[in-house]
Amino acid sequence: MSQTAWRILCLIGICLVISFKLAVQSLFQFLVLIKFSHTLFALPFALMGALLALRRFPLESTEQIYPLIAWVMLAMAGARTGAMGFNRLVDMRIDAANPRTANRPSVTGQVSTSVMVLSIIAAYGLLVFASYQLNPVAFQLSPVAIFLVSAYSYTKRFTSWCHLFLGLAIGASPIAAWIAVTGSLSLSPLVLGASVMLWIAGFDIIYALQDRDYDKSHGLNSIPVRFGVGGSLWIARGLHLTSGVLWFYLGYLEQLGLPYTIAAIGCSGLLLFEHRLVRKGNLEKIDMAFFNLNIWISLGLFVGLLVDWSLT
């Protein structure tokens, strides 16, 4: 091979290495942008929906459980990743004008629009493919799931109750997981889904307190804009109280045992502590209330149900 050919091959190789490095960096920045680690908020509840279905309708072989759970997790990850990417995409102008979000990678250019679009398509494609692997009903409903999780991004443009739409999008995950296992629907996943919807909406209202002044001045809608700090906190408390009641009602419906009951009591206590942290509109500890405690709540309920399920 001639010296010129070697130079061309070396140049191509260098370009490929650089392109791969840039692609990895872009993917990492995209995952940072959508806070991929916060999938822990919703994933345990999706798994709870699957566990409840398996508890009611056990599979013939335990070996079937692992691939089923894996496809449920992939579907959930795809839905959440696509939804968050879509939200960042349609909110770029809003984020750019808001001091709190002006440094997001989507605004600064660290994640390009093309990377976001391709990542969203890939994530939603994963959701559809995983649904196809589960059962025909889940596959047929996958476009509905995509619409549901994407539509939330526009709701703050026309309604103060946008937080409930976010809750609905995430609260659908345990319902979808139940359908993925059984191909049908029942009261229990609806109760669990409703509890997740109210739980998510409640802490999203608390989180939205940070943007109250900005949203108000830019014509965006939210509970804090409409009801103020005090009214928003009371609404969030009411939603979380109802959510906690539904956790115990789920235990009654499914005749769950002591491990789940202990978990529900503990998670209810964490909700009370969360509201204590942000009482009187104290926003200094909002990250602790929003991220740390809520991850422990979702994981705590899941572990309680998992232990209960393993003992039956």
Protein backbone atom coordinates (compact mmCIF):
# COMPACT_ATOMS: atom_id res chain seq x y z
CA MET A 1 0.00 0.00 0.00
CA SER A 2 1.31 3.42 -0.94
CA GLN A 3 2.32 6.07 1.58
CA THR A 4 -0.54 8.27 0.40
CA ALA A 5 -3.07 5.50 1.03
CA TRP A 6 -1.71 4.99 4.54
CA ARG A 7 -2.05 8.69 5.24
CA ILE A 8 -5.64 8.65 4.02
CA LEU A 9 -6.43 5.62 6.21
CA CYS A 10 -4.80 7.27 9.23
CA LEU A 11 -6.79 10.44 8.59
CA ILE A 12 -10.03 8.45 8.33
CA GLY A 13 -9.17 6.62 11.55
CA ILE A 14 -8.50 9.86 13.38
CA CYS A 15 -11.78 11.30 12.13
CA LEU A 16 -13.66 8.20 13.29
CA VAL A 17 -12.06 8.35 16.74
CA ILE A 18 -12.89 12.05 17.06
CA SER A 19 -16.45 11.45 15.83
CA PHE A 20 -16.93 8.61 18.30
CA LYS A 21 -15.56 10.73 21.14
CA LEU A 22 -17.87 13.61 20.22
CA ALA A 23 -20.83 11.22 19.95
CA VAL A 24 -20.11 9.79 23.42
CA GLN A 25 -19.74 13.30 24.84
CA SER A 26 -23.01 14.39 23.21
CA LEU A 27 -24.81 11.32 24.55
CA PHE A 28 -23.43 11.95 28.05
CA GLN A 29 -24.51 15.60 27.90
CA PHE A 30 -27.95 14.52 26.71
CA LEU A 31 -28.30 12.14 29.67
CA VAL A 32 -27.23 14.97 31.98
CA LEU A 33 -29.74 17.26 30.27
CA ILE A 34 -32.68 14.92 30.88
CA LYS A 35 -31.44 13.93 34.36
CA PHE A 36 -31.47 10.25 33.40
CA SER A 37 -30.68 9.26 36.99
CA HIS A 38 -34.10 10.57 37.99
CA THR A 39 -35.63 7.62 36.18
CA LEU A 40 -35.47 6.18 39.70
CA PHE A 41 -38.56 8.29 40.49
CA ALA A 42 -40.83 6.32 38.20
CA LEU A 43 -39.09 3.01 37.47
CA PRO A 44 -39.82 1.44 40.90
CA PHE A 45 -43.53 2.16 40.45
CA ALA A 46 -43.52 0.54 37.02
CA LEU A 47 -41.88 -2.50 38.58
CA MET A 48 -44.52 -2.44 41.33
CA GLY A 49 -47.21 -2.67 38.66
CA ALA A 50 -45.45 -5.69 37.18
CA LEU A 51 -44.98 -7.35 40.57
CA LEU A 52 -48.63 -6.87 41.50
CA ALA A 53 -49.65 -8.48 38.22
CA LEU A 54 -47.24 -11.39 38.75
CA ARG A 55 -48.54 -11.81 42.28
CA ARG A 56 -52.11 -12.06 40.99
CA PHE A 57 -51.24 -14.02 37.82
CA PRO A 58 -48.03 -16.01 38.46
CA LEU A 59 -46.13 -17.26 35.43
CA GLU A 60 -45.67 -20.97 34.75
CA SER A 61 -41.90 -20.68 35.09
CA THR A 62 -39.79 -18.28 37.17
CA GLU A 63 -37.36 -18.11 34.25
CA GLN A 64 -40.00 -16.12 32.34
CA ILE A 65 -39.98 -13.37 34.97
CA TYR A 66 -36.52 -11.96 34.25
CA PRO A 67 -36.92 -11.17 30.53
CA LEU A 68 -40.39 -9.78 31.20
CA ILE A 69 -39.08 -7.44 33.92
CA ALA A 70 -36.18 -6.45 31.66
CA TRP A 71 -38.53 -5.43 28.83
CA VAL A 72 -40.72 -3.49 31.27
CA MET A 73 -37.64 -1.60 32.50
CA LEU A 74 -36.49 -0.86 28.96
CA ALA A 75 -39.95 0.37 27.98
CA MET A 76 -40.07 2.62 31.04
CA ALA A 77 -36.57 3.98 30.41
CA GLY A 78 -37.43 4.66 26.78
CA ALA A 79 -40.65 6.47 27.67
CA ARG A 80 -39.03 8.61 30.35
CA THR A 81 -35.94 9.43 28.23
CA GLY A 82 -38.05 10.36 25.21
CA ALA A 83 -40.44 12.45 27.27
CA MET A 84 -37.69 14.42 29.02
CA GLY A 85 -35.81 14.94 25.78
CA PHE A 86 -38.99 16.16 24.11
CA ASN A 87 -39.63 18.52 27.02
CA ARG A 88 -36.14 20.03 26.77
CA LEU A 89 -36.54 20.37 23.01
CA VAL A 90 -39.83 22.27 23.02
CA ASP A 91 -38.84 24.36 26.05
CA MET A 92 -35.48 25.60 24.76
CA ARG A 93 -36.62 29.22 24.37
CA ILE A 94 -38.32 29.21 27.76
CA ASP A 95 -35.25 27.68 29.40
CA ALA A 96 -32.94 30.19 27.73
CA ALA A 97 -34.85 33.14 29.23
CA ASN A 98 -35.06 31.62 32.72
CA PRO A 99 -31.94 32.27 34.88
CA ARG A 100 -32.41 28.94 36.68
CA THR A 101 -32.33 26.91 33.45
CA ALA A 102 -30.20 29.11 31.18
CA ASN A 103 -27.16 26.83 31.63
CA ARG A 104 -28.88 23.66 30.47
CA PRO A 105 -26.88 21.87 27.74
CA SER A 106 -29.80 22.31 25.32
CA VAL A 107 -29.54 26.10 25.74
CA THR A 108 -25.75 26.43 25.77
CA GLY A 109 -25.36 24.26 22.66
CA GLN A 110 -23.55 21.42 24.40
CA VAL A 111 -26.37 19.21 23.11
CA SER A 112 -27.44 20.09 19.59
CA THR A 113 -31.00 20.01 18.33
CA SER A 114 -30.15 17.14 15.98
CA VAL A 115 -28.74 15.07 18.86
CA MET A 116 -31.89 15.71 20.88
CA VAL A 117 -34.18 14.75 18.00
CA LEU A 118 -32.26 11.55 17.24
CA SER A 119 -32.15 10.62 20.93
CA ILE A 120 -35.89 11.18 21.30
CA ILE A 121 -36.62 9.02 18.26
CA ALA A 122 -34.31 6.29 19.56
CA ALA A 123 -35.88 6.39 23.03
CA TYR A 124 -39.43 6.19 21.74
CA GLY A 125 -38.33 3.47 19.32
CA LEU A 126 -37.03 1.50 22.32
CA LEU A 127 -40.40 1.95 24.02
CA VAL A 128 -42.27 0.61 20.99
CA PHE A 129 -39.87 -2.31 20.50
CA ALA A 130 -39.98 -3.29 24.18
CA SER A 131 -43.78 -3.10 24.11
CA TYR A 132 -43.79 -5.38 21.06
CA GLN A 133 -41.73 -7.93 23.02
CA LEU A 134 -44.27 -7.91 25.87
CA ASN A 135 -47.70 -8.51 24.33
CA PRO A 136 -49.98 -7.23 21.53
CA VAL A 137 -52.02 -4.96 23.83
CA ALA A 138 -48.91 -3.22 25.16
CA PHE A 139 -47.62 -2.77 21.59
CA GLN A 140 -50.92 -1.33 20.37
CA LEU A 141 -51.01 1.12 23.29
CA SER A 142 -47.40 2.30 22.86
CA PRO A 143 -48.39 5.24 20.58
CA VAL A 144 -50.87 6.33 23.26
CA ALA A 145 -48.06 6.25 25.81
CA ILE A 146 -45.84 8.36 23.55
CA PHE A 147 -48.59 10.93 23.08
CA LEU A 148 -49.32 11.03 26.80
CA VAL A 149 -45.75 11.58 27.97
CA SER A 150 -45.07 14.13 25.22
CA ALA A 151 -48.25 16.21 25.60
CA TYR A 152 -47.30 17.31 29.12
CA SER A 153 -44.62 19.62 27.70
CA TYR A 154 -47.29 21.94 26.27
CA THR A 155 -49.73 22.01 29.18
CA LYS A 156 -48.15 24.87 31.14
CA ARG A 157 -48.92 27.06 28.15
CA PHE A 158 -52.67 26.83 28.75
CA THR A 159 -53.52 25.39 32.20
CA SER A 160 -52.46 25.86 35.83
CA TRP A 161 -53.08 22.16 36.43
CA CYS A 162 -50.12 21.11 34.27
CA HIS A 163 -48.64 19.32 37.30
CA LEU A 164 -51.47 16.80 37.19
CA PHE A 165 -50.72 16.11 33.53
CA LEU A 166 -47.12 15.33 34.48
CA GLY A 167 -48.43 13.09 37.24
CA LEU A 168 -50.75 11.36 34.78
CA ALA A 169 -47.90 10.72 32.34
CA ILE A 170 -45.72 9.10 35.01
CA GLY A 171 -48.64 7.53 36.90
CA ALA A 172 -49.49 5.56 33.78
CA SER A 173 -46.27 3.54 34.17
CA PRO A 174 -47.55 0.98 36.74
CA ILE A 175 -50.76 0.64 34.74
CA ALA A 176 -48.76 0.01 31.58
CA ALA A 177 -46.59 -2.52 33.43
CA TRP A 178 -49.68 -4.40 34.61
CA ILE A 179 -50.98 -4.48 31.04
CA ALA A 180 -47.55 -5.65 29.85
CA VAL A 181 -47.81 -8.69 32.12
CA THR A 182 -51.51 -9.52 31.85
CA GLY A 183 -52.76 -7.90 28.66
CA SER A 184 -55.74 -6.63 30.66
CA LEU A 185 -56.64 -4.05 33.32
CA SER A 186 -57.82 -4.14 36.94
CA LEU A 187 -58.60 -1.81 39.84
CA SER A 188 -55.29 -2.29 41.68
CA PRO A 189 -53.00 -0.81 39.00
CA LEU A 190 -55.43 2.09 38.61
CA VAL A 191 -55.18 2.79 42.35
CA LEU A 192 -51.38 2.58 42.22
CA GLY A 193 -51.32 4.78 39.11
CA ALA A 194 -53.56 7.37 40.78
CA SER A 195 -51.31 7.43 43.86
CA VAL A 196 -48.27 8.04 41.64
CA MET A 197 -50.09 10.76 39.71
CA LEU A 198 -50.96 12.66 42.89
CA TRP A 199 -47.51 12.09 44.40
CA ILE A 200 -45.73 13.40 41.28
CA ALA A 201 -48.12 16.35 40.93
CA GLY A 202 -47.63 17.28 44.58
CA PHE A 203 -43.86 17.49 44.49
CA ASP A 204 -43.89 19.10 41.02
CA ILE A 205 -45.97 21.92 42.53
CA ILE A 206 -43.33 22.33 45.24
CA TYR A 207 -40.56 22.34 42.63
CA ALA A 208 -42.43 24.90 40.51
CA LEU A 209 -42.29 27.39 43.38
CA GLN A 210 -38.77 28.21 42.19
CA ASP A 211 -40.09 29.53 38.88
CA ARG A 212 -43.21 31.31 40.14
CA ASP A 213 -42.02 34.85 39.40
CA TYR A 214 -40.57 33.92 36.01
CA ASP A 215 -43.67 31.96 34.94
CA LYS A 216 -45.94 34.78 36.03
CA SER A 217 -44.00 37.42 34.10
CA HIS A 218 -43.85 35.29 30.94
CA GLY A 219 -47.49 34.20 30.82
CA LEU A 220 -46.88 30.56 31.80
CA ASN A 221 -49.35 28.68 33.96
CA SER A 222 -48.78 26.76 37.20
CA ILE A 223 -50.37 26.22 40.60
CA PRO A 224 -47.83 28.58 42.25
CA VAL A 225 -48.70 31.33 39.74
CA ARG A 226 -52.43 30.94 40.31
CA PHE A 227 -52.59 30.25 44.06
CA GLY A 228 -49.38 31.72 45.45
CA VAL A 229 -46.88 30.06 47.76
CA GLY A 230 -49.23 29.32 50.67
CA GLY A 231 -52.07 28.01 48.51
CA SER A 232 -49.66 25.85 46.48
CA LEU A 233 -48.22 24.22 49.58
CA TRP A 234 -51.72 23.37 50.85
CA ILE A 235 -52.68 21.87 47.49
CA ALA A 236 -49.47 19.81 47.47
CA ARG A 237 -50.23 18.61 51.00
CA GLY A 238 -53.72 17.55 49.97
CA LEU A 239 -52.41 15.66 46.95
CA HIS A 240 -49.78 13.88 49.01
CA LEU A 241 -52.24 13.02 51.77
CA THR A 242 -54.54 11.42 49.20
CA SER A 243 -51.60 9.62 47.63
CA GLY A 244 -50.65 8.13 50.99
CA VAL A 245 -54.22 6.98 51.60
CA LEU A 246 -54.17 5.23 48.22
CA TRP A 247 -50.96 3.38 49.15
CA PHE A 248 -52.76 1.85 52.12
CA TYR A 249 -55.90 1.20 50.06
CA LEU A 250 -53.75 -0.71 47.57
CA GLY A 251 -52.48 -2.87 50.43
CA TYR A 252 -56.07 -3.58 51.42
CA LEU A 253 -57.14 -4.42 47.86
CA GLU A 254 -54.26 -6.81 47.28
CA GLN A 255 -54.17 -8.15 50.85
CA LEU A 256 -50.51 -7.20 51.13
CA GLY A 257 -48.62 -8.14 54.27
CA LEU A 258 -46.51 -6.49 56.93
CA PRO A 259 -43.44 -5.62 54.79
CA TYR A 260 -45.52 -3.49 52.43
CA THR A 261 -47.45 -1.90 55.32
CA ILE A 262 -44.21 -0.92 57.06
CA ALA A 263 -42.92 0.56 53.79
CA ALA A 264 -46.14 2.55 53.27
CA ILE A 265 -45.92 3.92 56.82
CA GLY A 266 -42.27 4.87 56.36
CA CYS A 267 -42.87 6.55 52.99
CA SER A 268 -45.82 8.48 54.42
CA GLY A 269 -43.46 9.72 57.12
CA LEU A 270 -40.99 10.84 54.45
CA LEU A 271 -43.77 12.80 52.75
CA LEU A 272 -44.48 14.59 56.03
CA PHE A 273 -40.78 15.36 56.43
CA GLU A 274 -40.67 16.66 52.84
CA HIS A 275 -43.37 19.18 53.62
CA ARG A 276 -41.65 20.15 56.84
CA LEU A 277 -38.55 21.04 54.83
CA VAL A 278 -40.43 23.44 52.56
CA ARG A 279 -42.92 24.85 55.07
CA LYS A 280 -43.63 28.58 54.69
CA GLY A 281 -42.19 28.49 51.19
CA ASN A 282 -38.60 27.73 52.25
CA LEU A 283 -36.92 26.96 48.91
CA GLU A 284 -33.38 26.49 50.20
CA LYS A 285 -33.92 22.76 50.82
CA ILE A 286 -36.13 22.14 47.81
CA ASP A 287 -33.52 19.98 46.03
CA MET A 288 -33.32 17.68 49.05
CA ALA A 289 -37.12 17.47 49.23
CA PHE A 290 -37.56 17.00 45.50
CA PHE A 291 -34.75 14.61 44.62
CA ASN A 292 -33.38 12.74 47.64
CA LEU A 293 -36.57 12.06 49.58
CA ASN A 294 -38.69 11.19 46.56
CA ILE A 295 -36.18 8.63 45.33
CA TRP A 296 -36.28 6.99 48.77
CA ILE A 297 -40.08 7.02 48.70
CA SER A 298 -40.33 5.22 45.35
CA LEU A 299 -37.59 2.74 46.24
CA GLY A 300 -39.03 2.17 49.72
CA LEU A 301 -42.48 1.21 48.46
CA PHE A 302 -40.98 -1.02 45.79
CA VAL A 303 -38.75 -2.85 48.26
CA GLY A 304 -41.69 -3.30 50.64
CA LEU A 305 -43.77 -4.87 47.87
CA LEU A 306 -40.83 -6.95 46.62
CA VAL A 307 -40.23 -8.44 50.08
CA ASP A 308 -43.96 -9.08 50.49
CA TRP A 309 -44.12 -10.72 47.05
CA SER A 310 -41.08 -12.92 47.74
CA LEU A 311 -42.63 -14.18 50.98
CA THR A 312 -45.95 -15.23 49.41
